[in-house]
Amino acid sequence: MSARTKDIELHDVEQRFHARGSATGFLTAVHETSFTLRSDPPHIVSLVGQSGSGKSTIARIILGLQRPTSGTVTYGGKDIFKLSRAEYDDYRRNVQPVFQDPYAIFNPVYRVDRVLRTAIKKFGLTKSKARAQELMEESLRAVKLDPAQVLGRYPHQLSGGQRQRIMLARVHMLRPAFIIADEPVSMLDAQVRKLFLDILVDFQRAYGMTTLFITHDLSTVYYVGGDVMVITKGRVVERGPVAQVMHTPSHSYTKMLLASVPQPDPDKRWTDRIDIEEADREEAAPEVPTSDPARVPRP
């Protein structure tokens, strides 16, 4: 099995944190969650929910930054927390993150070139300085950045959109099988946000990258298409093709999320109070027994 055909599978993953004052002594951020990210065919799966729903915790677990309390995450059938050094290096190259804050990921004392050069050196893309320069410039142009306007600058000299696209340029150089994008556009303005999402879609189509797109914004989910999983309080309560879930939601929490999206009409105002707790009480059931997004026919 090649790296490009390995899948990421979560099996009954649960994450608990110690919490003072809690009746049980801990807080469960993720409840027995299972799903599969398939590399073939490449696709986009969105994980959507409000702040505190467990989205970023799942991202950190998949990236190997946090070991779950119970359950397993496998890559090509092997537990990612039990991989050999060579296997883990393969995993790191093929599962690339794009985080929310486009500034915090850079060391302010180094020029932004370092992010790209470090990736070239770490993963042995080339030993030639001239070829390394070519790779950086090619990847920057692929994400609509002018190398002459970016290379040699410090992070504070670039906009948030430019810094975030440099991370996409890093992804472009490595050509991973998976991108784990955790709220990557929440700090970008509307125009740059659209450009960023278009690049993600292009990466899927041109280079065969599967993306787990984590967000609270349903409009961006609809824009990128693919499949969606809706999560609340650590539980995935609905999943399926984006068009199906958006137009015919089955869970009350999904309906509440859709109802909370403002309409671009000043004469149409909310008349009802949105109560997340009430939605949870109405359907405090385990995961909806549908197939995982990778197995649901695409719209």
C-alpha atoms as a PDB file:
ATOM      1  CA  MET A   1       0.000   0.000   0.000  1.00  0.00           C
ATOM      2  CA  SER A   2       1.518   3.326  -1.049  1.00  0.00           C
ATOM      3  CA  ALA A   3       1.448   6.451   1.115  1.00  0.00           C
ATOM      4  CA  ARG A   4      -1.066   7.978  -1.284  1.00  0.00           C
ATOM      5  CA  THR A   5      -3.617   5.202  -0.692  1.00  0.00           C
ATOM      6  CA  LYS A   6      -3.406   4.990   3.085  1.00  0.00           C
ATOM      7  CA  ASP A   7      -6.481   6.101   5.033  1.00  0.00           C
ATOM      8  CA  ILE A   8      -6.797   7.812   8.402  1.00  0.00           C
ATOM      9  CA  GLU A   9      -9.332   6.098  10.645  1.00  0.00           C
ATOM     10  CA  LEU A  10     -10.632   7.173  14.046  1.00  0.00           C
ATOM     11  CA  HIS A  11     -12.022   4.307  16.101  1.00  0.00           C
ATOM     12  CA  ASP A  12     -14.132   5.229  19.173  1.00  0.00           C
ATOM     13  CA  VAL A  13     -11.850   8.152  20.012  1.00  0.00           C
ATOM     14  CA  GLU A  14     -12.574   9.805  23.345  1.00  0.00           C
ATOM     15  CA  GLN A  15     -10.743  12.707  24.934  1.00  0.00           C
ATOM     16  CA  ARG A  16     -11.207  13.666  28.580  1.00  0.00           C
ATOM     17  CA  PHE A  17      -9.587  16.467  30.529  1.00  0.00           C
ATOM     18  CA  HIS A  18      -9.393  16.924  34.276  1.00  0.00           C
ATOM     19  CA  ALA A  19     -11.849  19.602  35.373  1.00  0.00           C
ATOM     20  CA  ARG A  20     -12.106  21.019  38.872  1.00  0.00           C
ATOM     21  CA  GLY A  21     -15.626  21.422  40.110  1.00  0.00           C
ATOM     22  CA  SER A  22     -17.042  18.817  37.751  1.00  0.00           C
ATOM     23  CA  ALA A  23     -19.180  16.113  39.324  1.00  0.00           C
ATOM     24  CA  THR A  24     -17.095  13.438  37.599  1.00  0.00           C
ATOM     25  CA  GLY A  25     -13.765  15.216  37.955  1.00  0.00           C
ATOM     26  CA  PHE A  26     -13.226  15.493  34.234  1.00  0.00           C
ATOM     27  CA  LEU A  27     -14.623  17.075  31.089  1.00  0.00           C
ATOM     28  CA  THR A  28     -15.208  14.969  27.983  1.00  0.00           C
ATOM     29  CA  ALA A  29     -14.254  16.998  24.901  1.00  0.00           C
ATOM     30  CA  VAL A  30     -14.703  14.174  22.378  1.00  0.00           C
ATOM     31  CA  HIS A  31     -17.147  11.285  22.830  1.00  0.00           C
ATOM     32  CA  GLU A  32     -16.380   7.919  21.173  1.00  0.00           C
ATOM     33  CA  THR A  33     -16.006   9.397  17.690  1.00  0.00           C
ATOM     34  CA  SER A  34     -15.363   7.240  14.630  1.00  0.00           C
ATOM     35  CA  PHE A  35     -14.883   8.242  11.009  1.00  0.00           C
ATOM     36  CA  THR A  36     -12.559   7.635   8.070  1.00  0.00           C
ATOM     37  CA  LEU A  37     -10.620  10.085   5.910  1.00  0.00           C
ATOM     38  CA  ARG A  38      -9.924   8.409   2.584  1.00  0.00           C
ATOM     39  CA  SER A  39      -7.097   9.413   0.275  1.00  0.00           C
ATOM     40  CA  ASP A  40      -8.685   7.699  -2.726  1.00  0.00           C
ATOM     41  CA  PRO A  41     -10.702   9.320  -4.091  1.00  0.00           C
ATOM     42  CA  PRO A  42      -9.448  12.659  -2.743  1.00  0.00           C
ATOM     43  CA  HIS A  43     -12.242  14.724  -1.246  1.00  0.00           C
ATOM     44  CA  ILE A  44     -13.092  17.495   1.209  1.00  0.00           C
ATOM     45  CA  VAL A  45     -14.776  16.664   4.504  1.00  0.00           C
ATOM     46  CA  SER A  46     -15.905  19.562   6.686  1.00  0.00           C
ATOM     47  CA  LEU A  47     -16.228  19.239  10.455  1.00  0.00           C
ATOM     48  CA  VAL A  48     -18.581  21.972  11.618  1.00  0.00           C
ATOM     49  CA  GLY A  49     -19.798  23.060  15.046  1.00  0.00           C
ATOM     50  CA  GLN A  50     -19.741  25.938  17.494  1.00  0.00           C
ATOM     51  CA  SER A  51     -16.720  26.902  19.602  1.00  0.00           C
ATOM     52  CA  GLY A  52     -15.989  24.301  22.248  1.00  0.00           C
ATOM     53  CA  SER A  53     -17.634  21.459  20.352  1.00  0.00           C
ATOM     54  CA  GLY A  54     -14.429  19.395  20.130  1.00  0.00           C
ATOM     55  CA  LYS A  55     -13.371  20.240  16.557  1.00  0.00           C
ATOM     56  CA  SER A  56      -9.840  21.428  17.316  1.00  0.00           C
ATOM     57  CA  THR A  57      -9.279  18.590  19.783  1.00  0.00           C
ATOM     58  CA  ILE A  58      -9.985  16.115  16.982  1.00  0.00           C
ATOM     59  CA  ALA A  59      -7.537  17.987  14.728  1.00  0.00           C
ATOM     60  CA  ARG A  60      -4.796  17.827  17.360  1.00  0.00           C
ATOM     61  CA  ILE A  61      -5.378  14.109  17.876  1.00  0.00           C
ATOM     62  CA  ILE A  62      -5.173  13.367  14.144  1.00  0.00           C
ATOM     63  CA  LEU A  63      -1.970  15.401  13.869  1.00  0.00           C
ATOM     64  CA  GLY A  64      -0.440  13.378  16.688  1.00  0.00           C
ATOM     65  CA  LEU A  65      -0.148  16.417  18.943  1.00  0.00           C
ATOM     66  CA  GLN A  66      -2.411  14.924  21.582  1.00  0.00           C
ATOM     67  CA  ARG A  67      -2.923  11.299  22.578  1.00  0.00           C
ATOM     68  CA  PRO A  68      -6.608  10.401  23.077  1.00  0.00           C
ATOM     69  CA  THR A  69      -7.793   9.088  26.425  1.00  0.00           C
ATOM     70  CA  SER A  70      -9.180   6.016  24.670  1.00  0.00           C
ATOM     71  CA  GLY A  71      -9.749   4.748  21.151  1.00  0.00           C
ATOM     72  CA  THR A  72      -7.253   4.734  18.292  1.00  0.00           C
ATOM     73  CA  VAL A  73      -6.224   6.743  15.253  1.00  0.00           C
ATOM     74  CA  THR A  74      -4.742   4.580  12.515  1.00  0.00           C
ATOM     75  CA  TYR A  75      -2.878   5.397   9.306  1.00  0.00           C
ATOM     76  CA  GLY A  76      -2.747   2.543   6.839  1.00  0.00           C
ATOM     77  CA  GLY A  77      -4.077   0.315   9.612  1.00  0.00           C
ATOM     78  CA  LYS A  78      -1.351   1.227  12.139  1.00  0.00           C
ATOM     79  CA  ASP A  79      -1.834   3.207  15.350  1.00  0.00           C
ATOM     80  CA  ILE A  80      -0.188   6.597  14.729  1.00  0.00           C
ATOM     81  CA  PHE A  81       1.088   6.703  18.311  1.00  0.00           C
ATOM     82  CA  LYS A  82       2.941   3.405  17.793  1.00  0.00           C
ATOM     83  CA  LEU A  83       4.596   4.147  14.451  1.00  0.00           C
ATOM     84  CA  SER A  84       8.326   3.648  13.975  1.00  0.00           C
ATOM     85  CA  ARG A  85      10.481   6.718  13.329  1.00  0.00           C
ATOM     86  CA  ALA A  86      10.435   6.122   9.562  1.00  0.00           C
ATOM     87  CA  GLU A  87       6.675   5.489   9.561  1.00  0.00           C
ATOM     88  CA  TYR A  88       6.038   8.609  11.628  1.00  0.00           C
ATOM     89  CA  ASP A  89       8.150  10.723   9.253  1.00  0.00           C
ATOM     90  CA  ASP A  90       6.013   9.384   6.402  1.00  0.00           C
ATOM     91  CA  TYR A  91       2.893  10.284   8.374  1.00  0.00           C
ATOM     92  CA  ARG A  92       4.123  13.812   9.090  1.00  0.00           C
ATOM     93  CA  ARG A  93       4.855  14.436   5.439  1.00  0.00           C
ATOM     94  CA  ASN A  94       1.508  13.059   4.267  1.00  0.00           C
ATOM     95  CA  VAL A  95      -0.657  14.734   6.922  1.00  0.00           C
ATOM     96  CA  GLN A  96      -0.033  18.472   6.882  1.00  0.00           C
ATOM     97  CA  PRO A  97      -1.683  21.095   9.133  1.00  0.00           C
ATOM     98  CA  VAL A  98      -2.942  24.578   8.389  1.00  0.00           C
ATOM     99  CA  PHE A  99      -3.804  26.328  11.639  1.00  0.00           C
ATOM    100  CA  GLN A 100      -6.099  29.216  12.488  1.00  0.00           C
ATOM    101  CA  ASP A 101      -3.650  31.954  13.452  1.00  0.00           C
ATOM    102  CA  PRO A 102      -1.527  32.952  10.434  1.00  0.00           C
ATOM    103  CA  TYR A 103       0.965  34.801  12.661  1.00  0.00           C
ATOM    104  CA  ALA A 104       1.551  32.520  15.653  1.00  0.00           C
ATOM    105  CA  ILE A 105       2.951  29.736  13.456  1.00  0.00           C
ATOM    106  CA  PHE A 106       5.916  31.914  12.427  1.00  0.00           C
ATOM    107  CA  ASN A 107       8.918  32.753  14.569  1.00  0.00           C
ATOM    108  CA  PRO A 108       9.019  36.583  14.385  1.00  0.00           C
ATOM    109  CA  VAL A 109      12.840  36.707  14.482  1.00  0.00           C
ATOM    110  CA  TYR A 110      13.219  34.692  11.278  1.00  0.00           C
ATOM    111  CA  ARG A 111      12.303  35.558   7.720  1.00  0.00           C
ATOM    112  CA  VAL A 112       9.354  33.636   6.303  1.00  0.00           C
ATOM    113  CA  ASP A 113      11.699  31.769   3.924  1.00  0.00           C
ATOM    114  CA  ARG A 114      12.704  29.610   6.884  1.00  0.00           C
ATOM    115  CA  VAL A 115       9.302  27.880   7.010  1.00  0.00           C
ATOM    116  CA  LEU A 116       9.750  26.702   3.431  1.00  0.00           C
ATOM    117  CA  ARG A 117      13.468  25.919   3.628  1.00  0.00           C
ATOM    118  CA  THR A 118      12.979  23.878   6.815  1.00  0.00           C
ATOM    119  CA  ALA A 119      10.370  21.722   5.073  1.00  0.00           C
ATOM    120  CA  ILE A 120      12.695  21.178   2.097  1.00  0.00           C
ATOM    121  CA  LYS A 121      15.528  20.092   4.401  1.00  0.00           C
ATOM    122  CA  LYS A 122      13.412  18.046   6.812  1.00  0.00           C
ATOM    123  CA  PHE A 123      11.777  15.958   4.105  1.00  0.00           C
ATOM    124  CA  GLY A 124      14.755  15.821   1.754  1.00  0.00           C
ATOM    125  CA  LEU A 125      13.081  17.448  -1.226  1.00  0.00           C
ATOM    126  CA  THR A 126      16.436  18.545  -2.652  1.00  0.00           C
ATOM    127  CA  LYS A 127      20.024  19.234  -1.601  1.00  0.00           C
ATOM    128  CA  SER A 128      20.552  21.870  -4.268  1.00  0.00           C
ATOM    129  CA  LYS A 129      20.177  25.471  -3.119  1.00  0.00           C
ATOM    130  CA  ALA A 130      19.192  26.516  -6.637  1.00  0.00           C
ATOM    131  CA  ARG A 131      16.504  23.829  -6.830  1.00  0.00           C
ATOM    132  CA  ALA A 132      15.279  24.734  -3.338  1.00  0.00           C
ATOM    133  CA  GLN A 133      14.846  28.320  -4.502  1.00  0.00           C
ATOM    134  CA  GLU A 134      12.923  27.092  -7.553  1.00  0.00           C
ATOM    135  CA  LEU A 135      10.649  24.932  -5.393  1.00  0.00           C
ATOM    136  CA  MET A 136       9.841  27.842  -3.105  1.00  0.00           C
ATOM    137  CA  GLU A 137       9.072  30.182  -5.972  1.00  0.00           C
ATOM    138  CA  GLU A 138       6.955  27.603  -7.817  1.00  0.00           C
ATOM    139  CA  SER A 139       4.899  26.902  -4.696  1.00  0.00           C
ATOM    140  CA  LEU A 140       4.418  30.576  -3.873  1.00  0.00           C
ATOM    141  CA  ARG A 141       3.157  31.256  -7.369  1.00  0.00           C
ATOM    142  CA  ALA A 142       0.805  28.263  -7.040  1.00  0.00           C
ATOM    143  CA  VAL A 143      -0.924  30.027  -4.128  1.00  0.00           C
ATOM    144  CA  LYS A 144      -1.053  33.377  -5.946  1.00  0.00           C
ATOM    145  CA  LEU A 145       1.903  35.005  -4.185  1.00  0.00           C
ATOM    146  CA  ASP A 146       4.726  36.912  -5.872  1.00  0.00           C
ATOM    147  CA  PRO A 147       8.017  35.433  -4.599  1.00  0.00           C
ATOM    148  CA  ALA A 148       9.730  38.805  -4.975  1.00  0.00           C
ATOM    149  CA  GLN A 149       7.164  40.384  -2.637  1.00  0.00           C
ATOM    150  CA  VAL A 150       7.318  37.619  -0.003  1.00  0.00           C
ATOM    151  CA  LEU A 151      10.731  35.966   0.243  1.00  0.00           C
ATOM    152  CA  GLY A 152      13.196  37.762   2.471  1.00  0.00           C
ATOM    153  CA  ARG A 153      10.504  39.405   4.580  1.00  0.00           C
ATOM    154  CA  TYR A 154       9.636  38.974   8.238  1.00  0.00           C
ATOM    155  CA  PRO A 155       6.172  37.742   9.332  1.00  0.00           C
ATOM    156  CA  HIS A 156       5.068  41.161  10.606  1.00  0.00           C
ATOM    157  CA  GLN A 157       5.745  42.644   7.164  1.00  0.00           C
ATOM    158  CA  LEU A 158       3.098  40.433   5.540  1.00  0.00           C
ATOM    159  CA  SER A 159      -0.678  40.401   5.806  1.00  0.00           C
ATOM    160  CA  GLY A 160      -2.585  37.575   7.473  1.00  0.00           C
ATOM    161  CA  GLY A 161      -3.705  36.307   4.094  1.00  0.00           C
ATOM    162  CA  GLN A 162      -0.125  36.230   2.798  1.00  0.00           C
ATOM    163  CA  ARG A 163       1.125  34.384   5.888  1.00  0.00           C
ATOM    164  CA  GLN A 164      -1.668  31.822   5.614  1.00  0.00           C
ATOM    165  CA  ARG A 165      -0.946  31.246   1.934  1.00  0.00           C
ATOM    166  CA  ILE A 166       2.720  30.662   2.738  1.00  0.00           C
ATOM    167  CA  MET A 167       1.534  27.681   4.758  1.00  0.00           C
ATOM    168  CA  LEU A 168      -0.399  26.543   1.702  1.00  0.00           C
ATOM    169  CA  ALA A 169       2.792  26.962  -0.335  1.00  0.00           C
ATOM    170  CA  ARG A 170       4.504  24.625   2.136  1.00  0.00           C
ATOM    171  CA  VAL A 171       1.688  22.130   1.562  1.00  0.00           C
ATOM    172  CA  HIS A 172       2.124  22.536  -2.198  1.00  0.00           C
ATOM    173  CA  MET A 173       5.827  21.671  -1.944  1.00  0.00           C
ATOM    174  CA  LEU A 174       5.231  18.540   0.125  1.00  0.00           C
ATOM    175  CA  ARG A 175       2.159  17.302  -1.809  1.00  0.00           C
ATOM    176  CA  PRO A 176       0.690  15.436   1.196  1.00  0.00           C
ATOM    177  CA  ALA A 177      -2.212  13.009   0.974  1.00  0.00           C
ATOM    178  CA  PHE A 178      -4.107  14.908   3.700  1.00  0.00           C
ATOM    179  CA  ILE A 179      -4.535  18.491   4.858  1.00  0.00           C
ATOM    180  CA  ILE A 180      -5.906  19.141   8.353  1.00  0.00           C
ATOM    181  CA  ALA A 181      -7.166  22.728   8.157  1.00  0.00           C
ATOM    182  CA  ASP A 182      -8.340  23.996  11.556  1.00  0.00           C
ATOM    183  CA  GLU A 183     -10.400  27.204  11.158  1.00  0.00           C
ATOM    184  CA  PRO A 184      -7.942  28.411   8.488  1.00  0.00           C
ATOM    185  CA  VAL A 185     -10.052  31.311   7.180  1.00  0.00           C
ATOM    186  CA  SER A 186     -11.628  32.654  10.372  1.00  0.00           C
ATOM    187  CA  MET A 187      -9.084  35.505  10.608  1.00  0.00           C
ATOM    188  CA  LEU A 188      -9.145  36.421   6.910  1.00  0.00           C
ATOM    189  CA  ASP A 189     -11.294  38.979   5.135  1.00  0.00           C
ATOM    190  CA  ALA A 190     -13.927  37.871   2.625  1.00  0.00           C
ATOM    191  CA  GLN A 191     -11.854  38.323  -0.537  1.00  0.00           C
ATOM    192  CA  VAL A 192      -8.793  36.467   0.777  1.00  0.00           C
ATOM    193  CA  ARG A 193     -11.052  33.827   2.310  1.00  0.00           C
ATOM    194  CA  LYS A 194     -12.497  32.978  -1.106  1.00  0.00           C
ATOM    195  CA  LEU A 195      -9.009  32.801  -2.622  1.00  0.00           C
ATOM    196  CA  PHE A 196      -7.844  30.476   0.157  1.00  0.00           C
ATOM    197  CA  LEU A 197     -10.847  28.144  -0.283  1.00  0.00           C
ATOM    198  CA  ASP A 198     -10.364  28.073  -4.059  1.00  0.00           C
ATOM    199  CA  ILE A 199      -6.762  26.958  -3.528  1.00  0.00           C
ATOM    200  CA  LEU A 200      -7.889  24.123  -1.224  1.00  0.00           C
ATOM    201  CA  VAL A 201     -10.334  22.921  -3.857  1.00  0.00           C
ATOM    202  CA  ASP A 202      -7.626  23.196  -6.534  1.00  0.00           C
ATOM    203  CA  PHE A 203      -5.243  21.118  -4.400  1.00  0.00           C
ATOM    204  CA  GLN A 204      -7.863  18.389  -4.169  1.00  0.00           C
ATOM    205  CA  ARG A 205      -8.458  18.313  -7.920  1.00  0.00           C
ATOM    206  CA  ALA A 206      -4.908  18.887  -9.182  1.00  0.00           C
ATOM    207  CA  TYR A 207      -2.826  17.003  -6.619  1.00  0.00           C
ATOM    208  CA  GLY A 208      -5.233  14.515  -5.049  1.00  0.00           C
ATOM    209  CA  MET A 209      -5.202  15.924  -1.515  1.00  0.00           C
ATOM    210  CA  THR A 210      -7.971  15.070   0.925  1.00  0.00           C
ATOM    211  CA  THR A 211      -8.828  17.919   3.304  1.00  0.00           C
ATOM    212  CA  LEU A 212     -10.455  17.834   6.725  1.00  0.00           C
ATOM    213  CA  PHE A 213     -11.823  21.377   6.825  1.00  0.00           C
ATOM    214  CA  ILE A 214     -12.699  22.425  10.374  1.00  0.00           C
ATOM    215  CA  THR A 215     -14.930  25.461  10.776  1.00  0.00           C
ATOM    216  CA  HIS A 216     -17.922  27.020  12.492  1.00  0.00           C
ATOM    217  CA  ASP A 217     -18.958  28.832   9.300  1.00  0.00           C
ATOM    218  CA  LEU A 218     -21.623  27.021   7.293  1.00  0.00           C
ATOM    219  CA  SER A 219     -21.242  29.341   4.312  1.00  0.00           C
ATOM    220  CA  THR A 220     -17.652  28.189   3.761  1.00  0.00           C
ATOM    221  CA  VAL A 221     -18.758  24.562   4.125  1.00  0.00           C
ATOM    222  CA  TYR A 222     -21.321  25.059   1.378  1.00  0.00           C
ATOM    223  CA  TYR A 223     -18.748  26.783  -0.823  1.00  0.00           C
ATOM    224  CA  VAL A 224     -16.125  24.005  -0.707  1.00  0.00           C
ATOM    225  CA  GLY A 225     -18.748  21.256  -1.066  1.00  0.00           C
ATOM    226  CA  GLY A 226     -17.923  17.598  -0.515  1.00  0.00           C
ATOM    227  CA  ASP A 227     -19.147  16.024   2.715  1.00  0.00           C
ATOM    228  CA  VAL A 228     -19.849  17.398   6.168  1.00  0.00           C
ATOM    229  CA  MET A 229     -19.934  16.153   9.747  1.00  0.00           C
ATOM    230  CA  VAL A 230     -21.815  18.202  12.338  1.00  0.00           C
ATOM    231  CA  ILE A 231     -20.404  18.049  15.860  1.00  0.00           C
ATOM    232  CA  THR A 232     -21.745  19.317  19.174  1.00  0.00           C
ATOM    233  CA  LYS A 233     -20.362  18.707  22.652  1.00  0.00           C
ATOM    234  CA  GLY A 234     -17.867  16.222  21.296  1.00  0.00           C
ATOM    235  CA  ARG A 235     -20.395  14.088  19.406  1.00  0.00           C
ATOM    236  CA  VAL A 236     -20.849  13.856  15.652  1.00  0.00           C
ATOM    237  CA  VAL A 237     -24.644  14.070  15.331  1.00  0.00           C
ATOM    238  CA  GLU A 238     -25.076  14.244  11.562  1.00  0.00           C
ATOM    239  CA  ARG A 239     -23.034  13.475   8.468  1.00  0.00           C
ATOM    240  CA  GLY A 240     -23.430  13.238   4.728  1.00  0.00           C
ATOM    241  CA  PRO A 241     -23.035  15.178   1.469  1.00  0.00           C
ATOM    242  CA  VAL A 242     -23.079  18.944   2.039  1.00  0.00           C
ATOM    243  CA  ALA A 243     -26.114  19.565  -0.193  1.00  0.00           C
ATOM    244  CA  GLN A 244     -28.123  16.852   1.561  1.00  0.00           C
ATOM    245  CA  VAL A 245     -27.297  17.999   5.091  1.00  0.00           C
ATOM    246  CA  MET A 246     -27.823  21.680   4.275  1.00  0.00           C
ATOM    247  CA  HIS A 247     -31.143  21.264   2.473  1.00  0.00           C
ATOM    248  CA  THR A 248     -32.679  18.395   4.473  1.00  0.00           C
ATOM    249  CA  PRO A 249     -31.050  18.351   7.932  1.00  0.00           C
ATOM    250  CA  SER A 250     -32.265  15.616  10.255  1.00  0.00           C
ATOM    251  CA  HIS A 251     -30.811  16.642  13.618  1.00  0.00           C
ATOM    252  CA  SER A 252     -32.197  19.563  15.603  1.00  0.00           C
ATOM    253  CA  TYR A 253     -28.695  20.929  16.243  1.00  0.00           C
ATOM    254  CA  THR A 254     -27.985  21.073  12.512  1.00  0.00           C
ATOM    255  CA  LYS A 255     -31.305  22.844  11.997  1.00  0.00           C
ATOM    256  CA  MET A 256     -30.351  25.326  14.695  1.00  0.00           C
ATOM    257  CA  LEU A 257     -26.984  26.021  13.040  1.00  0.00           C
ATOM    258  CA  LEU A 258     -28.684  26.656   9.717  1.00  0.00           C
ATOM    259  CA  ALA A 259     -31.278  28.899  11.356  1.00  0.00           C
ATOM    260  CA  SER A 260     -28.507  30.944  12.961  1.00  0.00           C
ATOM    261  CA  VAL A 261     -26.990  31.953   9.614  1.00  0.00           C
ATOM    262  CA  PRO A 262     -27.981  35.607   9.006  1.00  0.00           C
ATOM    263  CA  GLN A 263     -29.697  36.433   5.733  1.00  0.00           C
ATOM    264  CA  PRO A 264     -28.325  39.313   3.628  1.00  0.00           C
ATOM    265  CA  ASP A 265     -31.592  41.211   3.935  1.00  0.00           C
ATOM    266  CA  PRO A 266     -32.023  43.900   6.623  1.00  0.00           C
ATOM    267  CA  ASP A 267     -35.809  43.428   6.548  1.00  0.00           C
ATOM    268  CA  LYS A 268     -35.518  39.759   7.525  1.00  0.00           C
ATOM    269  CA  ARG A 269     -34.543  39.639  11.165  1.00  0.00           C
ATOM    270  CA  TRP A 270     -34.399  36.814  13.675  1.00  0.00           C
ATOM    271  CA  THR A 271     -37.645  36.483  15.603  1.00  0.00           C
ATOM    272  CA  ASP A 272     -36.826  33.423  17.695  1.00  0.00           C
ATOM    273  CA  ARG A 273     -34.266  32.924  20.417  1.00  0.00           C
ATOM    274  CA  ILE A 274     -31.713  30.256  19.521  1.00  0.00           C
ATOM    275  CA  ASP A 275     -31.141  27.839  22.399  1.00  0.00           C
ATOM    276  CA  ILE A 276     -28.313  25.346  21.958  1.00  0.00           C
ATOM    277  CA  GLU A 277     -29.122  23.586  25.239  1.00  0.00           C
ATOM    278  CA  GLU A 278     -32.703  23.019  24.105  1.00  0.00           C
ATOM    279  CA  ALA A 279     -31.526  21.518  20.818  1.00  0.00           C
ATOM    280  CA  ASP A 280     -29.249  19.158  22.735  1.00  0.00           C
ATOM    281  CA  ARG A 281     -32.073  18.077  25.057  1.00  0.00           C
ATOM    282  CA  GLU A 282     -34.382  17.351  22.153  1.00  0.00           C
ATOM    283  CA  GLU A 283     -31.938  14.913  20.608  1.00  0.00           C
ATOM    284  CA  ALA A 284     -29.467  13.790  23.260  1.00  0.00           C
ATOM    285  CA  ALA A 285     -28.764  10.664  21.269  1.00  0.00           C
ATOM    286  CA  PRO A 286     -25.495   9.076  20.095  1.00  0.00           C
ATOM    287  CA  GLU A 287     -24.168   9.493  16.598  1.00  0.00           C
ATOM    288  CA  VAL A 288     -26.577   9.261  13.699  1.00  0.00           C
ATOM    289  CA  PRO A 289     -26.089   5.756  12.227  1.00  0.00           C
ATOM    290  CA  THR A 290     -25.122   6.851   8.724  1.00  0.00           C
ATOM    291  CA  SER A 291     -22.065   5.834   6.793  1.00  0.00           C
ATOM    292  CA  ASP A 292     -18.939   7.941   7.139  1.00  0.00           C
ATOM    293  CA  PRO A 293     -18.511  10.845   4.678  1.00  0.00           C
ATOM    294  CA  ALA A 294     -15.976   9.042   2.556  1.00  0.00           C
ATOM    295  CA  ARG A 295     -18.517   6.322   1.808  1.00  0.00           C
ATOM    296  CA  VAL A 296     -21.493   8.555   1.068  1.00  0.00           C
ATOM    297  CA  PRO A 297     -22.143   9.179  -2.664  1.00  0.00           C
ATOM    298  CA  ARG A 298     -21.057  12.662  -3.663  1.00  0.00           C
ATOM    299  CA  PRO A 299     -23.739  15.125  -4.794  1.00  0.00           C
END
